[in-house]
Amino acid sequence: MRIGILTGGGDCPGLNAVISSVARRSWDHGHELLGFKYGWRGVIDDDVMPLNLDNVRGIMREGGTILRSSGDNPAHGGDRPERAMATIKKHDVDALIVIGGEGTMKGALTMSRDFGLPVVGVPKTIDNDLPGTELTVGFDSALAIATEALDRLATTAESHDRVMVCEVMGRTAGWLAMYAGIAGGADVILLPEMDLTVEEAAAIITKRHGQGRDSSLIVVGEGYTLRSSTGIFDGHEIEHELDAYGYPRLGGVSNHVARAVEAITGFETRVTILGHVQRGGPPTARDRALASRFGFLAADLVHNGEYGKLVAQVGRDVMAVPLEETEGDARVVPEEIFEFVRSFMG
C-alpha cells in the first residue's frame, strides 16, 4: 500500500513523534509512506514529499512537524475536495492518516463521507478539546510549559509583592488553564466555562493580602470572557480579528483582567501572555509515548482496512472510535468539576 500522512491545524509538540511511529509501523507491514506538506493544503495543491528512514530518523524528540502545517481543509468548500481527490489519485494513495484537531477532522469527515476517501484520524491539540478522546497529542507538553511559567512567575511576584496574571491558550476549553493553575499553585483560575467575575477574583486576592500573603498568581484561559458582577468593568469585550478561515484570533483578555483587579485592589498587577511558546519546543516524555501509541494503532488500522476511525484515549486504553465522534461541540470542562477548581483558589 501507499499511505499518505498529513499534519493539519496549529503545530504542537509530538507531531513528529506520531509521524515517526506511523512510519515505523507501516514499514513493518511493508507499506510505502508519502507525506503531504502543510496539512490538507498539500493534498489540495499537490505538495508532497517522500518519507523514508533518512528524513524520519531521530525526529521523535523534535518539536513542530517536518511536514509543516496549515489550517486549510476540504471542509472550507469551493473546489478543494475535487482537487484533493485528484491529488490522491495522481499519487496512487490507498489511504490517508490525518493528524489534527477539530478543523482538520472536519476535512477528514468531508472526504470520507462525500468522496469515499479511506481515512484514519489522530487527535492533536494543546487545548485537549477534541470530542471522542480524553487526551490529545500536545496537551501534556503545553501543560508542562504553562506550569513552569507559573512556577517562575511565582518567585518574581514574591520578590516585588505583585499580582501576576498569566494567560494561557484554550479557545473555548479551559483544560490547560485548569490543570496549569492547579499544578502551578495559582490563586485564581479563570476558565472560559466558569462564571467567575473579576470582583470575585479581586476578593480572593484581597483576602490573601489580609492574611499576610502579599503576592498572588492569576491564570486565565484566552477564551475567558471578562465578567463583572457590578457592571463597572462591562464593555471591555475584545474585538478579535478573524483569521483566513473565520476563527477569531484570541489573546489579550489578561490585560483587561489585570486592569480590573488592580483598580479594585490597588495592588500592582502585571501580565504575561504565554502565546505560541506553549506550542513550540520538544514534547514531554508522556506526549512522545502517547504519540507513539496513537501512530502505531493508526498504522495498524490502515493495514487492516479499518477506515473512518479516530485513534483515541478512552480511560486507560488507546482504541479506535468512529471518526463521527469528533463532530459537535468542543469537549469543555464540565460543570461538575467547577467545585474542584474553586477548592484550589485562594
C-alpha atoms as a PDB file:
ATOM      1  CA  MET A   1       0.000   0.000   0.000  1.00  0.00           C
ATOM      2  CA  ARG A   2       0.929   3.648  -0.372  1.00  0.00           C
ATOM      3  CA  ILE A   3      -0.174   5.531   2.733  1.00  0.00           C
ATOM      4  CA  GLY A   4      -0.442   9.317   2.870  1.00  0.00           C
ATOM      5  CA  ILE A   5       0.037  11.314   6.058  1.00  0.00           C
ATOM      6  CA  LEU A   6      -0.506  14.977   6.964  1.00  0.00           C
ATOM      7  CA  THR A   7      -0.393  17.292   9.976  1.00  0.00           C
ATOM      8  CA  GLY A   8      -3.090  19.978   9.934  1.00  0.00           C
ATOM      9  CA  GLY A   9      -4.048  22.994  12.028  1.00  0.00           C
ATOM     10  CA  GLY A  10      -1.816  24.561  14.665  1.00  0.00           C
ATOM     11  CA  ASP A  11       1.519  22.936  15.405  1.00  0.00           C
ATOM     12  CA  CYS A  12       2.281  21.349  18.765  1.00  0.00           C
ATOM     13  CA  PRO A  13       4.921  19.140  20.365  1.00  0.00           C
ATOM     14  CA  GLY A  14       4.510  15.468  19.473  1.00  0.00           C
ATOM     15  CA  LEU A  15       3.549  15.705  15.796  1.00  0.00           C
ATOM     16  CA  ASN A  16       6.897  14.359  14.646  1.00  0.00           C
ATOM     17  CA  ALA A  17       6.576  11.530  17.146  1.00  0.00           C
ATOM     18  CA  VAL A  18       3.290  10.486  15.504  1.00  0.00           C
ATOM     19  CA  ILE A  19       4.896  10.640  12.054  1.00  0.00           C
ATOM     20  CA  SER A  20       7.814   8.525  13.288  1.00  0.00           C
ATOM     21  CA  SER A  21       5.539   5.905  14.852  1.00  0.00           C
ATOM     22  CA  VAL A  22       3.258   5.687  11.799  1.00  0.00           C
ATOM     23  CA  ALA A  23       6.283   5.327   9.528  1.00  0.00           C
ATOM     24  CA  ARG A  24       7.987   2.607  11.514  1.00  0.00           C
ATOM     25  CA  ARG A  25       4.849   0.532  11.925  1.00  0.00           C
ATOM     26  CA  SER A  26       3.847   0.990   8.265  1.00  0.00           C
ATOM     27  CA  TRP A  27       7.301  -0.117   7.144  1.00  0.00           C
ATOM     28  CA  ASP A  28       6.935  -3.179   9.391  1.00  0.00           C
ATOM     29  CA  HIS A  29       3.867  -4.024   7.304  1.00  0.00           C
ATOM     30  CA  GLY A  30       5.786  -3.454   4.076  1.00  0.00           C
ATOM     31  CA  HIS A  31       3.959  -0.266   3.069  1.00  0.00           C
ATOM     32  CA  GLU A  32       5.214   2.950   1.476  1.00  0.00           C
ATOM     33  CA  LEU A  33       4.662   6.356   3.069  1.00  0.00           C
ATOM     34  CA  LEU A  34       4.029   9.691   1.353  1.00  0.00           C
ATOM     35  CA  GLY A  35       3.897  12.997   3.225  1.00  0.00           C
ATOM     36  CA  PHE A  36       1.596  15.876   2.284  1.00  0.00           C
ATOM     37  CA  LYS A  37       3.075  19.245   3.196  1.00  0.00           C
ATOM     38  CA  TYR A  38       1.156  21.994   5.018  1.00  0.00           C
ATOM     39  CA  GLY A  39      -1.714  19.780   6.081  1.00  0.00           C
ATOM     40  CA  TRP A  40      -4.725  19.432   3.827  1.00  0.00           C
ATOM     41  CA  ARG A  41      -3.300  22.217   1.660  1.00  0.00           C
ATOM     42  CA  GLY A  42      -0.676  19.766   0.427  1.00  0.00           C
ATOM     43  CA  VAL A  43      -3.415  17.378  -0.694  1.00  0.00           C
ATOM     44  CA  ILE A  44      -5.387  20.171  -2.322  1.00  0.00           C
ATOM     45  CA  ASP A  45      -2.362  21.750  -4.055  1.00  0.00           C
ATOM     46  CA  ASP A  46      -0.388  18.551  -4.735  1.00  0.00           C
ATOM     47  CA  ASP A  47       2.558  19.425  -2.474  1.00  0.00           C
ATOM     48  CA  VAL A  48       4.163  16.152  -1.434  1.00  0.00           C
ATOM     49  CA  MET A  49       7.401  14.758  -0.037  1.00  0.00           C
ATOM     50  CA  PRO A  50       8.580  11.160   0.292  1.00  0.00           C
ATOM     51  CA  LEU A  51       9.030   9.811   3.800  1.00  0.00           C
ATOM     52  CA  ASN A  52      11.950   7.456   4.277  1.00  0.00           C
ATOM     53  CA  LEU A  53      14.314   6.405   7.013  1.00  0.00           C
ATOM     54  CA  ASP A  54      16.678   9.292   6.341  1.00  0.00           C
ATOM     55  CA  ASN A  55      14.143  12.060   6.959  1.00  0.00           C
ATOM     56  CA  VAL A  56      12.260  10.286   9.750  1.00  0.00           C
ATOM     57  CA  ARG A  57      15.223   9.074  11.804  1.00  0.00           C
ATOM     58  CA  GLY A  58      15.603  10.956  15.095  1.00  0.00           C
ATOM     59  CA  ILE A  59      12.506  13.160  14.808  1.00  0.00           C
ATOM     60  CA  MET A  60      10.751  11.652  17.859  1.00  0.00           C
ATOM     61  CA  ARG A  61      12.303  14.262  20.142  1.00  0.00           C
ATOM     62  CA  GLU A  62      11.797  17.252  17.824  1.00  0.00           C
ATOM     63  CA  GLY A  63       9.023  19.805  18.167  1.00  0.00           C
ATOM     64  CA  GLY A  64       6.984  21.142  15.264  1.00  0.00           C
ATOM     65  CA  THR A  65       6.390  18.969  12.215  1.00  0.00           C
ATOM     66  CA  ILE A  66       8.675  18.040   9.349  1.00  0.00           C
ATOM     67  CA  LEU A  67       5.566  18.091   7.142  1.00  0.00           C
ATOM     68  CA  ARG A  68       4.703  21.688   8.106  1.00  0.00           C
ATOM     69  CA  SER A  69       1.080  22.647   8.721  1.00  0.00           C
ATOM     70  CA  SER A  70      -1.800  24.976   7.831  1.00  0.00           C
ATOM     71  CA  GLY A  71      -5.453  25.438   8.698  1.00  0.00           C
ATOM     72  CA  ASP A  72      -6.842  24.866   5.223  1.00  0.00           C
ATOM     73  CA  ASN A  73      -9.006  21.800   4.641  1.00  0.00           C
ATOM     74  CA  PRO A  74     -11.623  20.460   2.193  1.00  0.00           C
ATOM     75  CA  ALA A  75     -14.497  21.400   4.506  1.00  0.00           C
ATOM     76  CA  HIS A  76     -13.860  25.052   3.596  1.00  0.00           C
ATOM     77  CA  GLY A  77     -15.609  24.354   0.307  1.00  0.00           C
ATOM     78  CA  GLY A  78     -15.023  25.506  -3.222  1.00  0.00           C
ATOM     79  CA  ASP A  79     -13.226  23.027  -5.451  1.00  0.00           C
ATOM     80  CA  ARG A  80     -10.965  21.871  -2.606  1.00  0.00           C
ATOM     81  CA  PRO A  81     -12.447  18.354  -2.274  1.00  0.00           C
ATOM     82  CA  GLU A  82     -12.217  17.642  -6.005  1.00  0.00           C
ATOM     83  CA  ARG A  83      -8.645  18.908  -6.166  1.00  0.00           C
ATOM     84  CA  ALA A  84      -7.755  16.795  -3.142  1.00  0.00           C
ATOM     85  CA  MET A  85      -9.170  13.656  -4.732  1.00  0.00           C
ATOM     86  CA  ALA A  86      -7.271  14.399  -7.942  1.00  0.00           C
ATOM     87  CA  THR A  87      -4.015  14.509  -5.951  1.00  0.00           C
ATOM     88  CA  ILE A  88      -4.852  11.280  -4.136  1.00  0.00           C
ATOM     89  CA  LYS A  89      -5.488   9.520  -7.451  1.00  0.00           C
ATOM     90  CA  LYS A  90      -2.411  11.004  -9.113  1.00  0.00           C
ATOM     91  CA  HIS A  91      -0.116   9.573  -6.437  1.00  0.00           C
ATOM     92  CA  ASP A  92      -1.987   6.248  -6.073  1.00  0.00           C
ATOM     93  CA  VAL A  93      -2.577   6.827  -2.355  1.00  0.00           C
ATOM     94  CA  ASP A  94      -4.575   3.960  -0.862  1.00  0.00           C
ATOM     95  CA  ALA A  95      -5.375   5.606   2.489  1.00  0.00           C
ATOM     96  CA  LEU A  96      -4.673   8.826   4.382  1.00  0.00           C
ATOM     97  CA  ILE A  97      -3.689   9.280   8.030  1.00  0.00           C
ATOM     98  CA  VAL A  98      -4.805  12.719   9.209  1.00  0.00           C
ATOM     99  CA  ILE A  99      -3.208  14.229  12.331  1.00  0.00           C
ATOM    100  CA  GLY A 100      -5.045  17.255  13.656  1.00  0.00           C
ATOM    101  CA  GLY A 101      -7.779  18.848  15.704  1.00  0.00           C
ATOM    102  CA  GLU A 102     -11.369  19.900  15.143  1.00  0.00           C
ATOM    103  CA  GLY A 103     -10.929  21.657  11.794  1.00  0.00           C
ATOM    104  CA  THR A 104      -8.632  19.015  10.363  1.00  0.00           C
ATOM    105  CA  MET A 105     -11.073  16.259  11.333  1.00  0.00           C
ATOM    106  CA  LYS A 106     -13.927  18.140   9.655  1.00  0.00           C
ATOM    107  CA  GLY A 107     -11.917  17.884   6.464  1.00  0.00           C
ATOM    108  CA  ALA A 108     -11.379  14.180   7.061  1.00  0.00           C
ATOM    109  CA  LEU A 109     -15.094  13.578   7.562  1.00  0.00           C
ATOM    110  CA  THR A 110     -15.945  15.554   4.435  1.00  0.00           C
ATOM    111  CA  MET A 111     -13.580  13.479   2.323  1.00  0.00           C
ATOM    112  CA  SER A 112     -14.644  10.212   3.923  1.00  0.00           C
ATOM    113  CA  ARG A 113     -18.414  10.726   3.663  1.00  0.00           C
ATOM    114  CA  ASP A 114     -18.724  12.595   0.412  1.00  0.00           C
ATOM    115  CA  PHE A 115     -15.860  11.174  -1.612  1.00  0.00           C
ATOM    116  CA  GLY A 116     -15.167   7.778  -0.055  1.00  0.00           C
ATOM    117  CA  LEU A 117     -11.562   8.581   0.865  1.00  0.00           C
ATOM    118  CA  PRO A 118     -10.170   5.958   3.269  1.00  0.00           C
ATOM    119  CA  VAL A 119      -9.024   7.998   6.288  1.00  0.00           C
ATOM    120  CA  VAL A 120      -7.840   7.426   9.858  1.00  0.00           C
ATOM    121  CA  GLY A 121      -7.584  10.329  12.297  1.00  0.00           C
ATOM    122  CA  VAL A 122      -5.018  11.003  15.024  1.00  0.00           C
ATOM    123  CA  PRO A 123      -6.035  13.682  17.585  1.00  0.00           C
ATOM    124  CA  LYS A 124      -3.707  16.559  18.422  1.00  0.00           C
ATOM    125  CA  THR A 125      -4.367  19.934  20.023  1.00  0.00           C
ATOM    126  CA  ILE A 126      -2.895  21.630  23.081  1.00  0.00           C
ATOM    127  CA  ASP A 127      -6.459  22.673  24.032  1.00  0.00           C
ATOM    128  CA  ASN A 128      -7.364  18.991  24.624  1.00  0.00           C
ATOM    129  CA  ASP A 129     -10.897  19.819  23.453  1.00  0.00           C
ATOM    130  CA  LEU A 130     -11.475  17.361  20.605  1.00  0.00           C
ATOM    131  CA  PRO A 131     -14.587  15.200  21.206  1.00  0.00           C
ATOM    132  CA  GLY A 132     -14.042  11.450  21.077  1.00  0.00           C
ATOM    133  CA  THR A 133     -10.791  11.305  23.053  1.00  0.00           C
ATOM    134  CA  GLU A 134      -9.863  12.163  26.621  1.00  0.00           C
ATOM    135  CA  LEU A 135      -6.312  13.161  25.697  1.00  0.00           C
ATOM    136  CA  THR A 136      -4.718  14.687  22.626  1.00  0.00           C
ATOM    137  CA  VAL A 137      -1.114  14.872  21.458  1.00  0.00           C
ATOM    138  CA  GLY A 138       0.449  18.186  22.509  1.00  0.00           C
ATOM    139  CA  PHE A 139      -1.607  18.852  25.621  1.00  0.00           C
ATOM    140  CA  ASP A 140       0.856  17.448  28.139  1.00  0.00           C
ATOM    141  CA  SER A 141       3.770  19.409  26.652  1.00  0.00           C
ATOM    142  CA  ALA A 142       1.819  22.677  26.676  1.00  0.00           C
ATOM    143  CA  LEU A 143       0.732  21.971  30.242  1.00  0.00           C
ATOM    144  CA  ALA A 144       4.335  21.451  31.323  1.00  0.00           C
ATOM    145  CA  ILE A 145       5.356  24.774  29.737  1.00  0.00           C
ATOM    146  CA  ALA A 146       2.464  26.665  31.359  1.00  0.00           C
ATOM    147  CA  THR A 147       3.169  25.113  34.759  1.00  0.00           C
ATOM    148  CA  GLU A 148       6.850  26.030  34.571  1.00  0.00           C
ATOM    149  CA  ALA A 149       5.912  29.589  33.636  1.00  0.00           C
ATOM    150  CA  LEU A 150       3.678  29.869  36.697  1.00  0.00           C
ATOM    151  CA  ASP A 151       6.470  28.485  38.901  1.00  0.00           C
ATOM    152  CA  ARG A 152       8.785  31.210  37.595  1.00  0.00           C
ATOM    153  CA  LEU A 153       6.191  33.977  37.878  1.00  0.00           C
ATOM    154  CA  ALA A 154       5.522  32.993  41.496  1.00  0.00           C
ATOM    155  CA  THR A 155       9.086  33.765  42.586  1.00  0.00           C
ATOM    156  CA  THR A 156       9.238  37.162  40.902  1.00  0.00           C
ATOM    157  CA  ALA A 157       5.781  38.012  42.260  1.00  0.00           C
ATOM    158  CA  GLU A 158       7.003  37.236  45.778  1.00  0.00           C
ATOM    159  CA  SER A 159      10.095  39.391  45.291  1.00  0.00           C
ATOM    160  CA  HIS A 160       8.045  42.502  44.482  1.00  0.00           C
ATOM    161  CA  ASP A 161       4.715  41.863  46.247  1.00  0.00           C
ATOM    162  CA  ARG A 162       2.892  41.824  42.938  1.00  0.00           C
ATOM    163  CA  VAL A 163      -0.120  40.173  41.427  1.00  0.00           C
ATOM    164  CA  MET A 164       0.834  38.261  38.288  1.00  0.00           C
ATOM    165  CA  VAL A 165      -1.719  37.396  35.603  1.00  0.00           C
ATOM    166  CA  CYS A 166      -0.660  34.599  33.239  1.00  0.00           C
ATOM    167  CA  GLU A 167      -2.710  33.993  30.092  1.00  0.00           C
ATOM    168  CA  VAL A 168      -2.622  30.513  28.559  1.00  0.00           C
ATOM    169  CA  MET A 169      -4.216  29.134  25.406  1.00  0.00           C
ATOM    170  CA  GLY A 170      -7.599  27.444  25.300  1.00  0.00           C
ATOM    171  CA  ARG A 171     -10.088  28.803  22.788  1.00  0.00           C
ATOM    172  CA  THR A 172     -13.302  27.517  24.340  1.00  0.00           C
ATOM    173  CA  ALA A 173     -11.975  24.869  26.728  1.00  0.00           C
ATOM    174  CA  GLY A 174     -10.191  25.553  29.997  1.00  0.00           C
ATOM    175  CA  TRP A 175      -8.327  22.271  30.443  1.00  0.00           C
ATOM    176  CA  LEU A 176      -4.928  23.902  30.069  1.00  0.00           C
ATOM    177  CA  ALA A 177      -5.754  26.807  32.395  1.00  0.00           C
ATOM    178  CA  MET A 178      -7.328  24.481  34.948  1.00  0.00           C
ATOM    179  CA  TYR A 179      -4.531  21.949  35.260  1.00  0.00           C
ATOM    180  CA  ALA A 180      -1.741  24.523  34.939  1.00  0.00           C
ATOM    181  CA  GLY A 181      -3.449  26.668  37.557  1.00  0.00           C
ATOM    182  CA  ILE A 182      -3.738  23.782  39.991  1.00  0.00           C
ATOM    183  CA  ALA A 183      -0.250  22.398  39.346  1.00  0.00           C
ATOM    184  CA  GLY A 184       1.337  25.873  39.339  1.00  0.00           C
ATOM    185  CA  GLY A 185      -0.361  26.988  42.542  1.00  0.00           C
ATOM    186  CA  ALA A 186      -2.437  29.790  41.012  1.00  0.00           C
ATOM    187  CA  ASP A 187      -4.641  31.626  43.490  1.00  0.00           C
ATOM    188  CA  VAL A 188      -7.320  32.468  40.917  1.00  0.00           C
ATOM    189  CA  ILE A 189      -8.210  30.317  37.898  1.00  0.00           C
ATOM    190  CA  LEU A 190     -10.372  31.915  35.216  1.00  0.00           C
ATOM    191  CA  LEU A 191     -11.818  29.428  32.721  1.00  0.00           C
ATOM    192  CA  PRO A 192     -13.996  30.108  29.679  1.00  0.00           C
ATOM    193  CA  GLU A 193     -16.585  27.721  31.118  1.00  0.00           C
ATOM    194  CA  MET A 194     -16.883  29.266  34.619  1.00  0.00           C
ATOM    195  CA  ASP A 195     -18.879  32.376  35.586  1.00  0.00           C
ATOM    196  CA  LEU A 196     -16.194  33.756  37.899  1.00  0.00           C
ATOM    197  CA  THR A 197     -16.259  37.559  37.908  1.00  0.00           C
ATOM    198  CA  VAL A 198     -13.323  39.953  38.227  1.00  0.00           C
ATOM    199  CA  GLU A 199     -14.846  41.167  41.505  1.00  0.00           C
ATOM    200  CA  GLU A 200     -14.691  37.608  42.874  1.00  0.00           C
ATOM    201  CA  ALA A 201     -11.108  37.291  41.660  1.00  0.00           C
ATOM    202  CA  ALA A 202     -10.202  40.589  43.331  1.00  0.00           C
ATOM    203  CA  ALA A 203     -11.894  39.496  46.570  1.00  0.00           C
ATOM    204  CA  ILE A 204      -9.731  36.360  46.657  1.00  0.00           C
ATOM    205  CA  ILE A 205      -6.597  38.465  46.162  1.00  0.00           C
ATOM    206  CA  THR A 206      -7.662  40.964  48.838  1.00  0.00           C
ATOM    207  CA  LYS A 207      -8.335  38.171  51.321  1.00  0.00           C
ATOM    208  CA  ARG A 208      -4.888  36.694  50.685  1.00  0.00           C
ATOM    209  CA  HIS A 209      -3.219  40.036  51.310  1.00  0.00           C
ATOM    210  CA  GLY A 210      -5.227  40.421  54.511  1.00  0.00           C
ATOM    211  CA  GLN A 211      -3.710  37.142  55.644  1.00  0.00           C
ATOM    212  CA  GLY A 212      -0.202  38.440  55.046  1.00  0.00           C
ATOM    213  CA  ARG A 213       0.377  36.867  51.626  1.00  0.00           C
ATOM    214  CA  ASP A 214       1.487  39.834  49.582  1.00  0.00           C
ATOM    215  CA  SER A 215       1.803  38.211  46.150  1.00  0.00           C
ATOM    216  CA  SER A 216      -0.713  36.289  44.080  1.00  0.00           C
ATOM    217  CA  LEU A 217      -0.998  34.398  40.813  1.00  0.00           C
ATOM    218  CA  ILE A 218      -3.954  34.506  38.436  1.00  0.00           C
ATOM    219  CA  VAL A 219      -4.145  32.152  35.456  1.00  0.00           C
ATOM    220  CA  VAL A 220      -6.671  32.909  32.723  1.00  0.00           C
ATOM    221  CA  GLY A 221      -7.602  30.941  29.623  1.00  0.00           C
ATOM    222  CA  GLU A 222      -7.505  33.035  26.450  1.00  0.00           C
ATOM    223  CA  GLY A 223     -11.165  32.224  25.772  1.00  0.00           C
ATOM    224  CA  TYR A 224     -12.348  33.670  29.090  1.00  0.00           C
ATOM    225  CA  THR A 225     -14.893  36.472  28.690  1.00  0.00           C
ATOM    226  CA  LEU A 226     -14.425  39.228  31.254  1.00  0.00           C
ATOM    227  CA  ARG A 227     -17.388  39.182  33.652  1.00  0.00           C
ATOM    228  CA  SER A 228     -18.290  41.923  36.137  1.00  0.00           C
ATOM    229  CA  SER A 229     -20.924  41.487  38.851  1.00  0.00           C
ATOM    230  CA  THR A 230     -21.094  45.247  39.456  1.00  0.00           C
ATOM    231  CA  GLY A 231     -21.173  46.214  35.802  1.00  0.00           C
ATOM    232  CA  ILE A 232     -18.282  48.633  36.316  1.00  0.00           C
ATOM    233  CA  PHE A 233     -15.998  46.602  34.095  1.00  0.00           C
ATOM    234  CA  ASP A 234     -18.555  45.651  31.475  1.00  0.00           C
ATOM    235  CA  GLY A 235     -17.908  46.780  27.946  1.00  0.00           C
ATOM    236  CA  HIS A 236     -14.326  45.583  27.884  1.00  0.00           C
ATOM    237  CA  GLU A 237     -15.011  42.865  25.339  1.00  0.00           C
ATOM    238  CA  ILE A 238     -12.178  42.458  22.866  1.00  0.00           C
ATOM    239  CA  GLU A 239     -12.914  42.789  19.164  1.00  0.00           C
ATOM    240  CA  HIS A 240     -10.898  39.889  17.802  1.00  0.00           C
ATOM    241  CA  GLU A 241      -9.740  39.802  14.202  1.00  0.00           C
ATOM    242  CA  LEU A 242     -10.738  36.750  12.195  1.00  0.00           C
ATOM    243  CA  ASP A 243      -8.167  34.538  10.540  1.00  0.00           C
ATOM    244  CA  ALA A 244      -8.381  33.343   6.947  1.00  0.00           C
ATOM    245  CA  TYR A 245     -10.806  30.572   7.959  1.00  0.00           C
ATOM    246  CA  GLY A 246     -13.173  32.664  10.085  1.00  0.00           C
ATOM    247  CA  TYR A 247     -11.795  31.810  13.522  1.00  0.00           C
ATOM    248  CA  PRO A 248     -11.149  34.713  15.962  1.00  0.00           C
ATOM    249  CA  ARG A 249      -7.510  35.406  16.827  1.00  0.00           C
ATOM    250  CA  LEU A 250      -7.696  35.229  20.610  1.00  0.00           C
ATOM    251  CA  GLY A 251      -5.341  36.740  23.134  1.00  0.00           C
ATOM    252  CA  GLY A 252      -5.240  39.747  25.412  1.00  0.00           C
ATOM    253  CA  VAL A 253      -8.108  39.218  27.849  1.00  0.00           C
ATOM    254  CA  SER A 254      -5.497  39.062  30.635  1.00  0.00           C
ATOM    255  CA  ASN A 255      -4.804  42.773  30.178  1.00  0.00           C
ATOM    256  CA  HIS A 256      -8.432  43.583  30.967  1.00  0.00           C
ATOM    257  CA  VAL A 257      -8.423  41.213  33.945  1.00  0.00           C
ATOM    258  CA  ALA A 258      -5.253  42.835  35.307  1.00  0.00           C
ATOM    259  CA  ARG A 259      -6.624  46.370  34.977  1.00  0.00           C
ATOM    260  CA  ALA A 260      -9.830  45.397  36.769  1.00  0.00           C
ATOM    261  CA  VAL A 261      -8.036  43.592  39.607  1.00  0.00           C
ATOM    262  CA  GLU A 262      -5.614  46.473  40.100  1.00  0.00           C
ATOM    263  CA  ALA A 263      -8.439  49.024  40.068  1.00  0.00           C
ATOM    264  CA  ILE A 264     -10.378  47.089  42.731  1.00  0.00           C
ATOM    265  CA  THR A 265      -7.493  46.042  44.982  1.00  0.00           C
ATOM    266  CA  GLY A 266      -4.925  48.767  44.458  1.00  0.00           C
ATOM    267  CA  PHE A 267      -2.213  46.110  44.166  1.00  0.00           C
ATOM    268  CA  GLU A 268       0.359  46.347  41.387  1.00  0.00           C
ATOM    269  CA  THR A 269      -0.603  43.814  38.724  1.00  0.00           C
ATOM    270  CA  ARG A 270       1.472  42.608  35.780  1.00  0.00           C
ATOM    271  CA  VAL A 271       0.597  40.444  32.756  1.00  0.00           C
ATOM    272  CA  THR A 272       2.373  37.602  30.961  1.00  0.00           C
ATOM    273  CA  ILE A 273       0.804  36.147  27.807  1.00  0.00           C
ATOM    274  CA  LEU A 274       2.473  32.817  27.015  1.00  0.00           C
ATOM    275  CA  GLY A 275       1.065  32.632  23.495  1.00  0.00           C
ATOM    276  CA  HIS A 276       2.811  30.420  20.974  1.00  0.00           C
ATOM    277  CA  VAL A 277       5.637  29.455  23.334  1.00  0.00           C
ATOM    278  CA  GLN A 278       3.179  26.813  24.594  1.00  0.00           C
ATOM    279  CA  ARG A 279       3.119  25.184  21.163  1.00  0.00           C
ATOM    280  CA  GLY A 280       6.848  25.112  20.491  1.00  0.00           C
ATOM    281  CA  GLY A 281       9.809  23.061  21.613  1.00  0.00           C
ATOM    282  CA  PRO A 282      10.307  19.352  22.241  1.00  0.00           C
ATOM    283  CA  PRO A 283       7.476  17.140  23.500  1.00  0.00           C
ATOM    284  CA  THR A 284       7.366  15.710  27.009  1.00  0.00           C
ATOM    285  CA  ALA A 285       8.001  12.005  27.543  1.00  0.00           C
ATOM    286  CA  ARG A 286       4.272  11.487  28.050  1.00  0.00           C
ATOM    287  CA  ASP A 287       3.445  13.150  24.729  1.00  0.00           C
ATOM    288  CA  ARG A 288       6.092  11.083  22.949  1.00  0.00           C
ATOM    289  CA  ALA A 289       4.635   7.903  24.442  1.00  0.00           C
ATOM    290  CA  LEU A 290       1.044   8.878  23.580  1.00  0.00           C
ATOM    291  CA  ALA A 291       2.032   9.883  20.051  1.00  0.00           C
ATOM    292  CA  SER A 292       3.831   6.570  19.590  1.00  0.00           C
ATOM    293  CA  ARG A 293       0.797   4.574  20.699  1.00  0.00           C
ATOM    294  CA  PHE A 294      -1.552   6.630  18.540  1.00  0.00           C
ATOM    295  CA  GLY A 295       0.695   6.308  15.477  1.00  0.00           C
ATOM    296  CA  PHE A 296       1.142   2.554  15.953  1.00  0.00           C
ATOM    297  CA  LEU A 297      -2.613   1.967  16.142  1.00  0.00           C
ATOM    298  CA  ALA A 298      -3.319   4.294  13.198  1.00  0.00           C
ATOM    299  CA  ALA A 299      -0.892   2.341  11.011  1.00  0.00           C
ATOM    300  CA  ASP A 300      -2.495  -0.950  12.063  1.00  0.00           C
ATOM    301  CA  LEU A 301      -5.997   0.365  11.306  1.00  0.00           C
ATOM    302  CA  VAL A 302      -4.910   1.298   7.790  1.00  0.00           C
ATOM    303  CA  HIS A 303      -3.181  -2.043   7.310  1.00  0.00           C
ATOM    304  CA  ASN A 304      -6.364  -3.851   8.365  1.00  0.00           C
ATOM    305  CA  GLY A 305      -8.611  -1.690   6.194  1.00  0.00           C
ATOM    306  CA  GLU A 306     -10.463  -0.161   9.161  1.00  0.00           C
ATOM    307  CA  TYR A 307     -11.191   3.333   7.910  1.00  0.00           C
ATOM    308  CA  GLY A 308     -13.358   6.186   9.165  1.00  0.00           C
ATOM    309  CA  LYS A 309     -11.805   5.812  12.615  1.00  0.00           C
ATOM    310  CA  LEU A 310     -10.137   8.080  15.169  1.00  0.00           C
ATOM    311  CA  VAL A 311      -7.475   6.666  17.446  1.00  0.00           C
ATOM    312  CA  ALA A 312      -8.366   7.837  20.942  1.00  0.00           C
ATOM    313  CA  GLN A 313      -7.506   7.699  24.618  1.00  0.00           C
ATOM    314  CA  VAL A 314     -10.538   6.258  26.404  1.00  0.00           C
ATOM    315  CA  GLY A 315      -9.878   5.681  30.082  1.00  0.00           C
ATOM    316  CA  ARG A 316      -6.547   3.888  30.262  1.00  0.00           C
ATOM    317  CA  ASP A 317      -6.880   2.398  26.798  1.00  0.00           C
ATOM    318  CA  VAL A 318      -5.885   3.576  23.342  1.00  0.00           C
ATOM    319  CA  MET A 319      -8.547   2.387  20.925  1.00  0.00           C
ATOM    320  CA  ALA A 320     -10.366   3.176  17.679  1.00  0.00           C
ATOM    321  CA  VAL A 321     -13.632   5.126  17.816  1.00  0.00           C
ATOM    322  CA  PRO A 322     -15.826   6.323  14.930  1.00  0.00           C
ATOM    323  CA  LEU A 323     -14.487   9.487  13.323  1.00  0.00           C
ATOM    324  CA  GLU A 324     -18.005  10.933  13.669  1.00  0.00           C
ATOM    325  CA  GLU A 325     -17.342  11.322  17.401  1.00  0.00           C
ATOM    326  CA  THR A 326     -15.205  14.365  16.595  1.00  0.00           C
ATOM    327  CA  GLU A 327     -18.316  16.242  15.490  1.00  0.00           C
ATOM    328  CA  GLY A 328     -20.359  18.550  17.646  1.00  0.00           C
ATOM    329  CA  ASP A 329     -19.369  20.935  20.396  1.00  0.00           C
ATOM    330  CA  ALA A 330     -15.853  21.094  21.766  1.00  0.00           C
ATOM    331  CA  ARG A 331     -15.021  18.913  24.785  1.00  0.00           C
ATOM    332  CA  VAL A 332     -15.020  21.502  27.569  1.00  0.00           C
ATOM    333  CA  VAL A 333     -14.503  21.415  31.332  1.00  0.00           C
ATOM    334  CA  PRO A 334     -17.829  20.103  32.725  1.00  0.00           C
ATOM    335  CA  GLU A 335     -19.758  21.960  35.406  1.00  0.00           C
ATOM    336  CA  GLU A 336     -19.316  19.150  37.932  1.00  0.00           C
ATOM    337  CA  ILE A 337     -15.580  19.946  38.051  1.00  0.00           C
ATOM    338  CA  PHE A 338     -16.066  23.625  38.945  1.00  0.00           C
ATOM    339  CA  GLU A 339     -16.201  22.960  42.703  1.00  0.00           C
ATOM    340  CA  PHE A 340     -12.932  21.034  42.402  1.00  0.00           C
ATOM    341  CA  VAL A 341     -11.321  24.019  40.660  1.00  0.00           C
ATOM    342  CA  ARG A 342     -12.625  26.526  43.221  1.00  0.00           C
ATOM    343  CA  SER A 343     -11.202  24.463  46.084  1.00  0.00           C
ATOM    344  CA  PHE A 344      -7.661  25.275  44.927  1.00  0.00           C
ATOM    345  CA  MET A 345      -8.182  29.043  44.808  1.00  0.00           C
ATOM    346  CA  GLY A 346      -7.048  31.486  47.459  1.00  0.00           C
END
